[in-house]
PDB file of N, CA and C in Angstrom:
ATOM      1  N   MET A   1     -16.567  41.936 -73.286  1.00  0.00           N
ATOM      2  CA  MET A   1     -16.729  40.819 -72.389  1.00  0.00           C
ATOM      3  C   MET A   1     -18.149  40.285 -72.555  1.00  0.00           C
ATOM      4  N   LYS A   2     -18.268  38.999 -72.569  1.00  0.00           N
ATOM      5  CA  LYS A   2     -19.583  38.368 -72.682  1.00  0.00           C
ATOM      6  C   LYS A   2     -20.002  37.856 -71.313  1.00  0.00           C
ATOM      7  N   LEU A   3     -21.226  38.150 -70.935  1.00  0.00           N
ATOM      8  CA  LEU A   3     -21.757  37.752 -69.641  1.00  0.00           C
ATOM      9  C   LEU A   3     -22.912  36.793 -69.867  1.00  0.00           C
ATOM     10  N   SER A   4     -22.886  35.671 -69.192  1.00  0.00           N
ATOM     11  CA  SER A   4     -23.942  34.683 -69.316  1.00  0.00           C
ATOM     12  C   SER A   4     -24.828  34.755 -68.074  1.00  0.00           C
ATOM     13  N   LEU A   5     -26.130  34.929 -68.296  1.00  0.00           N
ATOM     14  CA  LEU A   5     -27.077  35.042 -67.187  1.00  0.00           C
ATOM     15  C   LEU A   5     -28.146  33.971 -67.310  1.00  0.00           C
ATOM     16  N   ASP A   6     -28.608  33.470 -66.172  1.00  0.00           N
ATOM     17  CA  ASP A   6     -29.729  32.546 -66.226  1.00  0.00           C
ATOM     18  C   ASP A   6     -31.009  33.346 -66.477  1.00  0.00           C
ATOM     19  N   ASP A   7     -32.062  32.662 -66.838  1.00  0.00           N
ATOM     20  CA  ASP A   7     -33.312  33.323 -67.220  1.00  0.00           C
ATOM     21  C   ASP A   7     -33.898  34.177 -66.099  1.00  0.00           C
ATOM     22  N   GLU A   8     -33.848  33.662 -64.881  1.00  0.00           N
ATOM     23  CA  GLU A   8     -34.417  34.404 -63.747  1.00  0.00           C
ATOM     24  C   GLU A   8     -33.652  35.701 -63.494  1.00  0.00           C
ATOM     25  N   THR A   9     -32.322  35.627 -63.532  1.00  0.00           N
ATOM     26  CA  THR A   9     -31.498  36.824 -63.320  1.00  0.00           C
ATOM     27  C   THR A   9     -31.752  37.845 -64.414  1.00  0.00           C
ATOM     28  N   TYR A  10     -31.798  37.389 -65.665  1.00  0.00           N
ATOM     29  CA  TYR A  10     -32.048  38.305 -66.776  1.00  0.00           C
ATOM     30  C   TYR A  10     -33.422  38.956 -66.647  1.00  0.00           C
ATOM     31  N   ALA A  11     -34.426  38.178 -66.218  1.00  0.00           N
ATOM     32  CA  ALA A  11     -35.771  38.730 -66.062  1.00  0.00           C
ATOM     33  C   ALA A  11     -35.784  39.844 -65.010  1.00  0.00           C
ATOM     34  N   ILE A  12     -35.067  39.641 -63.915  1.00  0.00           N
ATOM     35  CA  ILE A  12     -34.990  40.664 -62.867  1.00  0.00           C
ATOM     36  C   ILE A  12     -34.314  41.916 -63.410  1.00  0.00           C
ATOM     37  N   LEU A  13     -33.195  41.730 -64.113  1.00  0.00           N
ATOM     38  CA  LEU A  13     -32.495  42.882 -64.684  1.00  0.00           C
ATOM     39  C   LEU A  13     -33.352  43.579 -65.740  1.00  0.00           C
ATOM     40  N   ARG A  14     -34.096  42.816 -66.512  1.00  0.00           N
ATOM     41  CA  ARG A  14     -34.955  43.385 -67.553  1.00  0.00           C
ATOM     42  C   ARG A  14     -36.065  44.237 -66.925  1.00  0.00           C
ATOM     43  N   GLU A  15     -36.671  43.734 -65.859  1.00  0.00           N
ATOM     44  CA  GLU A  15     -37.717  44.505 -65.174  1.00  0.00           C
ATOM     45  C   GLU A  15     -37.163  45.824 -64.652  1.00  0.00           C
ATOM     46  N   GLU A  16     -35.991  45.759 -64.031  1.00  0.00           N
ATOM     47  CA  GLU A  16     -35.383  46.967 -63.474  1.00  0.00           C
ATOM     48  C   GLU A  16     -34.963  47.929 -64.574  1.00  0.00           C
ATOM     49  N   SER A  17     -34.424  47.407 -65.658  1.00  0.00           N
ATOM     50  CA  SER A  17     -34.009  48.278 -66.757  1.00  0.00           C
ATOM     51  C   SER A  17     -35.223  48.936 -67.412  1.00  0.00           C
ATOM     52  N   ASP A  18     -36.327  48.200 -67.526  1.00  0.00           N
ATOM     53  CA  ASP A  18     -37.560  48.791 -68.071  1.00  0.00           C
ATOM     54  C   ASP A  18     -38.072  49.900 -67.154  1.00  0.00           C
ATOM     55  N   ARG A  19     -38.009  49.660 -65.854  1.00  0.00           N
ATOM     56  CA  ARG A  19     -38.472  50.654 -64.882  1.00  0.00           C
ATOM     57  C   ARG A  19     -37.641  51.930 -64.972  1.00  0.00           C
ATOM     58  N   LEU A  20     -36.318  51.765 -65.174  1.00  0.00           N
ATOM     59  CA  LEU A  20     -35.419  52.927 -65.240  1.00  0.00           C
ATOM     60  C   LEU A  20     -35.325  53.530 -66.627  1.00  0.00           C
ATOM     61  N   GLY A  21     -35.808  52.811 -67.621  1.00  0.00           N
ATOM     62  CA  GLY A  21     -35.768  53.317 -68.988  1.00  0.00           C
ATOM     63  C   GLY A  21     -34.395  53.234 -69.634  1.00  0.00           C
ATOM     64  N   ILE A  22     -33.601  52.241 -69.230  1.00  0.00           N
ATOM     65  CA  ILE A  22     -32.291  52.033 -69.847  1.00  0.00           C
ATOM     66  C   ILE A  22     -32.169  50.581 -70.272  1.00  0.00           C
ATOM     67  N   ARG A  23     -31.229  50.303 -71.156  1.00  0.00           N
ATOM     68  CA  ARG A  23     -31.028  48.940 -71.632  1.00  0.00           C
ATOM     69  C   ARG A  23     -30.289  48.112 -70.576  1.00  0.00           C
ATOM     70  N   VAL A  24     -30.470  46.794 -70.634  1.00  0.00           N
ATOM     71  CA  VAL A  24     -29.851  45.891 -69.662  1.00  0.00           C
ATOM     72  C   VAL A  24     -28.322  46.040 -69.627  1.00  0.00           C
ATOM     73  N   PRO A  25     -27.625  46.081 -70.778  1.00  0.00           N
ATOM     74  CA  PRO A  25     -26.164  46.233 -70.705  1.00  0.00           C
ATOM     75  C   PRO A  25     -25.724  47.511 -69.979  1.00  0.00           C
ATOM     76  N   GLN A  26     -26.452  48.600 -70.198  1.00  0.00           N
ATOM     77  CA  GLN A  26     -26.117  49.851 -69.502  1.00  0.00           C
ATOM     78  C   GLN A  26     -26.396  49.725 -68.005  1.00  0.00           C
ATOM     79  N   LEU A  27     -27.477  49.039 -67.649  1.00  0.00           N
ATOM     80  CA  LEU A  27     -27.789  48.812 -66.239  1.00  0.00           C
ATOM     81  C   LEU A  27     -26.678  48.013 -65.561  1.00  0.00           C
ATOM     82  N   ILE A  28     -26.210  46.954 -66.225  1.00  0.00           N
ATOM     83  CA  ILE A  28     -25.131  46.135 -65.668  1.00  0.00           C
ATOM     84  C   ILE A  28     -23.860  46.964 -65.536  1.00  0.00           C
ATOM     85  N   ARG A  29     -23.540  47.762 -66.545  1.00  0.00           N
ATOM     86  CA  ARG A  29     -22.355  48.622 -66.508  1.00  0.00           C
ATOM     87  C   ARG A  29     -22.433  49.593 -65.339  1.00  0.00           C
ATOM     88  N   ASN A  30     -23.594  50.211 -65.158  1.00  0.00           N
ATOM     89  CA  ASN A  30     -23.785  51.154 -64.048  1.00  0.00           C
ATOM     90  C   ASN A  30     -23.623  50.461 -62.696  1.00  0.00           C
ATOM     91  N   MET A  31     -24.180  49.265 -62.576  1.00  0.00           N
ATOM     92  CA  MET A  31     -24.073  48.522 -61.318  1.00  0.00           C
ATOM     93  C   MET A  31     -22.614  48.191 -61.003  1.00  0.00           C
ATOM     94  N   CYS A  32     -21.863  47.775 -62.010  1.00  0.00           N
ATOM     95  CA  CYS A  32     -20.443  47.434 -61.803  1.00  0.00           C
ATOM     96  C   CYS A  32     -19.636  48.669 -61.429  1.00  0.00           C
ATOM     97  N   GLN A  33     -19.909  49.798 -62.082  1.00  0.00           N
ATOM     98  CA  GLN A  33     -19.190  51.029 -61.764  1.00  0.00           C
ATOM     99  C   GLN A  33     -19.492  51.483 -60.344  1.00  0.00           C
ATOM    100  N   ASN A  34     -20.756  51.386 -59.935  1.00  0.00           N
ATOM    101  CA  ASN A  34     -21.126  51.765 -58.571  1.00  0.00           C
ATOM    102  C   ASN A  34     -20.478  50.846 -57.548  1.00  0.00           C
ATOM    103  N   LEU A  35     -20.459  49.554 -57.835  1.00  0.00           N
ATOM    104  CA  LEU A  35     -19.831  48.597 -56.932  1.00  0.00           C
ATOM    105  C   LEU A  35     -18.338  48.904 -56.787  1.00  0.00           C
ATOM    106  N   ALA A  36     -17.670  49.149 -57.893  1.00  0.00           N
ATOM    107  CA  ALA A  36     -16.233  49.454 -57.852  1.00  0.00           C
ATOM    108  C   ALA A  36     -15.969  50.716 -57.051  1.00  0.00           C
ATOM    109  N   LYS A  37     -16.828  51.721 -57.208  1.00  0.00           N
ATOM    110  CA  LYS A  37     -16.658  52.970 -56.471  1.00  0.00           C
ATOM    111  C   LYS A  37     -16.821  52.748 -54.971  1.00  0.00           C
ATOM    112  N   HIS A  38     -17.823  51.969 -54.580  1.00  0.00           N
ATOM    113  CA  HIS A  38     -18.059  51.704 -53.164  1.00  0.00           C
ATOM    114  C   HIS A  38     -16.944  50.863 -52.550  1.00  0.00           C
ATOM    115  N   VAL A  39     -16.435  49.890 -53.287  1.00  0.00           N
ATOM    116  CA  VAL A  39     -15.328  49.070 -52.791  1.00  0.00           C
ATOM    117  C   VAL A  39     -14.093  49.942 -52.592  1.00  0.00           C
ATOM    118  N   GLN A  40     -13.824  50.819 -53.542  1.00  0.00           N
ATOM    119  CA  GLN A  40     -12.665  51.708 -53.427  1.00  0.00           C
ATOM    120  C   GLN A  40     -12.818  52.625 -52.215  1.00  0.00           C
ATOM    121  N   GLN A  41     -14.005  53.192 -52.017  1.00  0.00           N
ATOM    122  CA  GLN A  41     -14.240  54.059 -50.863  1.00  0.00           C
ATOM    123  C   GLN A  41     -14.073  53.281 -49.568  1.00  0.00           C
ATOM    124  N   ARG A  42     -14.587  52.068 -49.514  1.00  0.00           N
ATOM    125  CA  ARG A  42     -14.460  51.240 -48.312  1.00  0.00           C
ATOM    126  C   ARG A  42     -12.993  50.935 -48.025  1.00  0.00           C
ATOM    127  N   ASN A  43     -12.255  50.594 -49.063  1.00  0.00           N
ATOM    128  CA  ASN A  43     -10.845  50.262 -48.889  1.00  0.00           C
ATOM    129  C   ASN A  43     -10.037  51.466 -48.422  1.00  0.00           C
ATOM    130  N   GLU A  44     -10.409  52.650 -48.837  1.00  0.00           N
ATOM    131  CA  GLU A  44      -9.697  53.858 -48.416  1.00  0.00           C
ATOM    132  C   GLU A  44      -9.997  54.203 -46.962  1.00  0.00           C
ATOM    133  N   GLN A  45     -11.147  53.776 -46.457  1.00  0.00           N
ATOM    134  CA  GLN A  45     -11.561  54.119 -45.104  1.00  0.00           C
ATOM    135  C   GLN A  45     -11.111  53.088 -44.069  1.00  0.00           C
ATOM    136  N   GLN A  46     -10.925  51.844 -44.461  1.00  0.00           N
ATOM    137  CA  GLN A  46     -10.584  50.789 -43.514  1.00  0.00           C
ATOM    138  C   GLN A  46      -9.078  50.557 -43.505  1.00  0.00           C
ATOM    139  N   PRO A  47      -8.496  50.389 -42.323  1.00  0.00           N
ATOM    140  CA  PRO A  47      -7.071  50.052 -42.277  1.00  0.00           C
ATOM    141  C   PRO A  47      -6.842  48.642 -42.810  1.00  0.00           C
ATOM    142  N   HIS A  48      -5.690  48.442 -43.372  1.00  0.00           N
ATOM    143  CA  HIS A  48      -5.321  47.131 -43.913  1.00  0.00           C
ATOM    144  C   HIS A  48      -5.086  46.167 -42.744  1.00  0.00           C
ATOM    145  N   PRO A  49      -5.581  44.937 -42.807  1.00  0.00           N
ATOM    146  CA  PRO A  49      -5.478  44.010 -41.668  1.00  0.00           C
ATOM    147  C   PRO A  49      -4.043  43.626 -41.298  1.00  0.00           C
ATOM    148  N   THR A  50      -3.075  43.830 -42.170  1.00  0.00           N
ATOM    149  CA  THR A  50      -1.695  43.467 -41.851  1.00  0.00           C
ATOM    150  C   THR A  50      -0.932  44.627 -41.232  1.00  0.00           C
ATOM    151  N   GLY A  51      -1.628  45.746 -40.983  1.00  0.00           N
ATOM    152  CA  GLY A  51      -0.960  46.905 -40.408  1.00  0.00           C
ATOM    153  C   GLY A  51      -0.316  47.790 -41.455  1.00  0.00           C
ATOM    154  N   ARG A  52      -0.607  47.535 -42.701  1.00  0.00           N
ATOM    155  CA  ARG A  52      -0.084  48.370 -43.781  1.00  0.00           C
ATOM    156  C   ARG A  52      -1.183  49.279 -44.287  1.00  0.00           C
ATOM    157  N   ASN A  53      -0.778  50.399 -44.850  1.00  0.00           N
ATOM    158  CA  ASN A  53      -1.728  51.265 -45.512  1.00  0.00           C
ATOM    159  C   ASN A  53      -2.230  50.560 -46.763  1.00  0.00           C
ATOM    160  N   ASN A  54      -3.297  51.056 -47.345  1.00  0.00           N
ATOM    161  CA  ASN A  54      -3.826  50.447 -48.559  1.00  0.00           C
ATOM    162  C   ASN A  54      -2.890  50.619 -49.745  1.00  0.00           C
ATOM    163  N   ASP A  55      -1.929  51.522 -49.654  1.00  0.00           N
ATOM    164  CA  ASP A  55      -0.971  51.696 -50.751  1.00  0.00           C
ATOM    165  C   ASP A  55       0.254  50.810 -50.553  1.00  0.00           C
ATOM    166  N   GLY A  56       0.265  49.960 -49.520  1.00  0.00           N
ATOM    167  CA  GLY A  56       1.339  49.008 -49.307  1.00  0.00           C
ATOM    168  C   GLY A  56       2.444  49.510 -48.391  1.00  0.00           C
ATOM    169  N   GLN A  57       2.342  50.733 -47.918  1.00  0.00           N
ATOM    170  CA  GLN A  57       3.383  51.298 -47.045  1.00  0.00           C
ATOM    171  C   GLN A  57       3.130  50.885 -45.602  1.00  0.00           C
ATOM    172  N   GLN A  58       4.211  50.586 -44.895  1.00  0.00           N
ATOM    173  CA  GLN A  58       4.111  50.225 -43.478  1.00  0.00           C
ATOM    174  C   GLN A  58       3.703  51.446 -42.663  1.00  0.00           C
ATOM    175  N   LYS A  59       2.758  51.279 -41.754  1.00  0.00           N
ATOM    176  CA  LYS A  59       2.357  52.373 -40.862  1.00  0.00           C
ATOM    177  C   LYS A  59       3.423  52.623 -39.830  1.00  0.00           C
ATOM    178  N   ASN A  60       3.552  53.866 -39.392  1.00  0.00           N
ATOM    179  CA  ASN A  60       4.523  54.215 -38.351  1.00  0.00           C
ATOM    180  C   ASN A  60       3.915  54.120 -36.984  1.00  0.00           C
TER     181      ASN A  60
END
């Protein structure tokens, strides 16, 4: 996948990647994986607004 970033965003990511000692693509990959993990954890903890479980089953 190709990601297009503006100069300011890339500069911020570059500074952070330099501070952590990793390359920008790895930093972006790590950020996406962490975000996905947190979203999944949040979804498992919160009830579905339609009264269904997160797996689509109707609650009793």
